[in-house]
Amino acid sequence: MLIDWFTVGAQALNFAILVWLMKRFLYGPILAVVEARDDRIAAELADAKEKQDEAQQARAAFQEKNAKLDGERAALLQEAKEGAAAERKRLLDAARDAADALGEERRKALDLAADNLEESIAERAQMEVFAIAKKELVDLASASLEQQAVEVFIRRLRALWTHTRRPR
């Protein structure tokens, strides 16, 4: 077999032109598109990484603020509980004092009413005893009781007068 160097040269030249044309019009644009796509993907990944970092920072800041607010809320809640307990104690003490004062006033009023009742009963009993005694004495005596009492009183005053006027 004989090698036709012209055909080999023409085919080599044809192959070189084909490689150059493919490189120039096919591989170049495809590589440029692939490279652009890779750059775009890399930029998007970098942007996504940056956004993820920002999101992590925002999340950390949010969690920090949330923890701070939880602490403040717990402190305010504790303060409100303590204030409510103090106010409850103050109100209970005031109510207890008012109830004690009211009880004391009621006791004084009851004591006064009992004293008044005792006086009234004693006065009425005395009047009844005098009325009964007067009636019985009027029935037994011929003169009125007052007249006899006055006469006895005058006699006793005269006797007293005579005893005090004597020289010693």
Protein backbone atom coordinates (compact mmCIF):
# COMPACT_ATOMS: atom_id res chain seq x y z
CA MET A 1 0.00 0.00 0.00
CA LEU A 2 1.17 3.22 -1.03
CA ILE A 3 0.67 6.42 0.92
CA ASP A 4 -0.53 9.34 -1.05
CA TRP A 5 1.17 12.20 0.65
CA PHE A 6 -0.96 14.76 -1.06
CA THR A 7 -4.13 13.16 0.31
CA VAL A 8 -2.53 12.82 3.75
CA GLY A 9 -1.44 16.46 3.61
CA ALA A 10 -4.87 17.56 2.35
CA GLN A 11 -6.58 15.53 5.05
CA ALA A 12 -4.18 16.90 7.68
CA LEU A 13 -4.82 20.41 6.40
CA ASN A 14 -8.55 19.70 6.28
CA PHE A 15 -8.38 18.34 9.84
CA ALA A 16 -6.40 21.39 11.04
CA ILE A 17 -8.93 23.75 9.40
CA LEU A 18 -11.76 21.71 10.91
CA VAL A 19 -10.16 21.87 14.38
CA TRP A 20 -9.54 25.61 13.97
CA LEU A 21 -13.15 26.23 12.76
CA MET A 22 -14.57 24.10 15.57
CA LYS A 23 -12.40 25.84 18.09
CA ARG A 24 -13.26 29.24 16.68
CA PHE A 25 -16.99 28.84 16.07
CA LEU A 26 -18.09 25.89 18.22
CA TYR A 27 -15.83 25.20 21.20
CA GLY A 28 -15.04 28.87 21.87
CA PRO A 29 -18.65 29.98 22.17
CA ILE A 30 -19.61 26.81 24.05
CA LEU A 31 -16.70 27.26 26.43
CA ALA A 32 -17.58 30.93 26.82
CA VAL A 33 -21.21 30.00 27.62
CA VAL A 34 -20.06 27.28 30.03
CA GLU A 35 -17.57 29.67 31.62
CA ALA A 36 -20.24 32.39 31.88
CA ARG A 37 -22.61 29.86 33.37
CA ASP A 38 -19.94 28.74 35.85
CA ASP A 39 -19.24 32.38 36.75
CA ARG A 40 -22.97 33.05 37.17
CA ILE A 41 -23.39 29.93 39.33
CA ALA A 42 -20.32 30.90 41.36
CA ALA A 43 -21.71 34.43 41.78
CA GLU A 44 -25.10 33.02 42.79
CA LEU A 45 -23.45 30.64 45.25
CA ALA A 46 -21.40 33.50 46.68
CA ASP A 47 -24.54 35.65 46.89
CA ALA A 48 -26.41 32.75 48.51
CA LYS A 49 -23.54 32.26 50.96
CA GLU A 50 -23.56 35.99 51.75
CA LYS A 51 -27.34 35.95 52.22
CA GLN A 52 -27.05 32.85 54.39
CA ASP A 53 -24.42 34.60 56.53
CA GLU A 54 -26.68 37.67 56.79
CA ALA A 55 -29.60 35.43 57.69
CA GLN A 56 -27.49 33.71 60.36
CA GLN A 57 -26.48 37.10 61.76
CA ALA A 58 -30.10 38.29 61.69
CA ARG A 59 -31.20 35.06 63.36
CA ALA A 60 -28.53 35.44 66.04
CA ALA A 61 -29.56 39.07 66.59
CA PHE A 62 -33.23 38.03 66.72
CA GLN A 63 -32.48 35.26 69.22
CA GLU A 64 -30.44 37.68 71.32
CA LYS A 65 -33.23 40.27 71.27
CA ASN A 66 -35.79 37.54 71.99
CA ALA A 67 -33.74 36.31 74.95
CA LYS A 68 -33.36 39.89 76.19
CA LEU A 69 -37.11 40.49 75.83
CA ASP A 70 -37.83 37.20 77.62
CA GLY A 71 -35.58 38.33 80.48
CA GLU A 72 -37.25 41.74 80.62
CA ARG A 73 -40.69 40.12 80.45
CA ALA A 74 -39.78 37.75 83.29
CA ALA A 75 -38.43 40.67 85.35
CA LEU A 76 -41.57 42.73 84.69
CA LEU A 77 -43.77 39.77 85.51
CA GLN A 78 -41.88 39.17 88.75
CA GLU A 79 -42.12 42.87 89.60
CA ALA A 80 -45.85 42.84 88.87
CA LYS A 81 -46.30 39.74 91.05
CA GLU A 82 -44.40 41.38 93.90
CA GLY A 83 -46.40 44.58 93.49
CA ALA A 84 -49.66 42.63 93.44
CA ALA A 85 -48.61 40.70 96.55
CA ALA A 86 -47.70 43.92 98.35
CA GLU A 87 -50.96 45.56 97.28
CA ARG A 88 -52.90 42.45 98.38
CA LYS A 89 -51.18 42.51 101.77
CA ARG A 90 -51.87 46.23 102.14
CA LEU A 91 -55.53 45.77 101.21
CA LEU A 92 -55.90 42.79 103.56
CA ASP A 93 -54.31 44.76 106.40
CA ALA A 94 -56.59 47.72 105.69
CA ALA A 95 -59.64 45.44 105.58
CA ARG A 96 -58.56 43.73 108.80
CA ASP A 97 -58.05 47.12 110.50
CA ALA A 98 -61.44 48.31 109.27
CA ALA A 99 -63.09 45.10 110.48
CA ASP A 100 -61.37 45.44 113.87
CA ALA A 101 -62.47 49.08 114.14
CA LEU A 102 -66.02 48.16 113.14
CA GLY A 103 -66.04 45.32 115.67
CA GLU A 104 -64.78 47.67 118.37
CA GLU A 105 -67.47 50.23 117.51
CA ARG A 106 -70.10 47.52 117.54
CA ARG A 107 -68.87 46.25 120.90
CA LYS A 108 -68.99 49.78 122.33
CA ALA A 109 -72.49 50.28 120.94
CA LEU A 110 -73.60 46.95 122.44
CA ASP A 111 -72.03 47.87 125.80
CA LEU A 112 -73.78 51.25 125.73
CA ALA A 113 -77.08 49.65 124.76
CA ALA A 114 -76.67 47.07 127.56
CA ASP A 115 -75.87 49.83 130.07
CA ASN A 116 -78.89 51.84 128.90
CA LEU A 117 -81.07 48.76 129.11
CA GLU A 118 -79.83 47.97 132.62
CA GLU A 119 -80.49 51.55 133.71
CA SER A 120 -83.93 51.50 132.14
CA ILE A 121 -84.78 48.16 133.75
CA ALA A 122 -83.46 49.32 137.13
CA GLU A 123 -85.37 52.61 136.88
CA ARG A 124 -88.56 50.86 135.85
CA ALA A 125 -88.16 48.24 138.60
CA GLN A 126 -87.57 51.03 141.11
CA MET A 127 -90.66 52.88 139.93
CA GLU A 128 -92.71 49.68 140.11
CA VAL A 129 -91.44 48.89 143.62
CA PHE A 130 -92.25 52.44 144.73
CA ALA A 131 -95.68 52.26 143.15
CA ILE A 132 -96.43 48.92 144.81
CA ALA A 133 -95.05 50.09 148.16
CA LYS A 134 -97.02 53.33 147.91
CA LYS A 135 -100.22 51.46 147.13
CA GLU A 136 -99.69 49.06 150.02
CA LEU A 137 -98.76 51.81 152.43
CA VAL A 138 -101.75 53.90 151.33
CA ASP A 139 -103.94 50.92 151.94
CA LEU A 140 -102.40 50.38 155.40
CA ALA A 141 -102.14 54.02 156.53
CA SER A 142 -104.83 56.58 157.06
CA ALA A 143 -102.80 59.55 155.76
CA SER A 144 -100.99 59.72 152.49
CA LEU A 145 -97.46 58.30 152.31
CA GLU A 146 -95.91 61.55 151.23
CA GLN A 147 -97.42 63.42 154.10
CA GLN A 148 -96.12 60.91 156.61
CA ALA A 149 -92.68 60.90 154.99
CA VAL A 150 -92.56 64.69 155.19
CA GLU A 151 -93.59 64.65 158.85
CA VAL A 152 -90.90 62.07 159.70
CA PHE A 153 -88.35 64.10 157.79
CA ILE A 154 -89.29 67.30 159.66
CA ARG A 155 -89.08 65.53 163.04
CA ARG A 156 -85.66 64.22 162.26
CA LEU A 157 -84.48 67.65 161.14
CA ARG A 158 -85.77 69.21 164.41
CA ALA A 159 -84.02 66.54 166.44
CA LEU A 160 -80.83 67.10 164.54
CA TRP A 161 -81.20 70.84 165.02
CA THR A 162 -81.56 70.54 168.72
CA HIS A 163 -78.55 68.30 169.05
CA THR A 164 -76.30 70.66 167.14
CA ARG A 165 -77.39 73.81 169.04
CA ARG A 166 -76.48 72.57 172.52
CA PRO A 167 -73.31 73.97 173.98
CA ARG A 168 -70.45 71.66 174.59
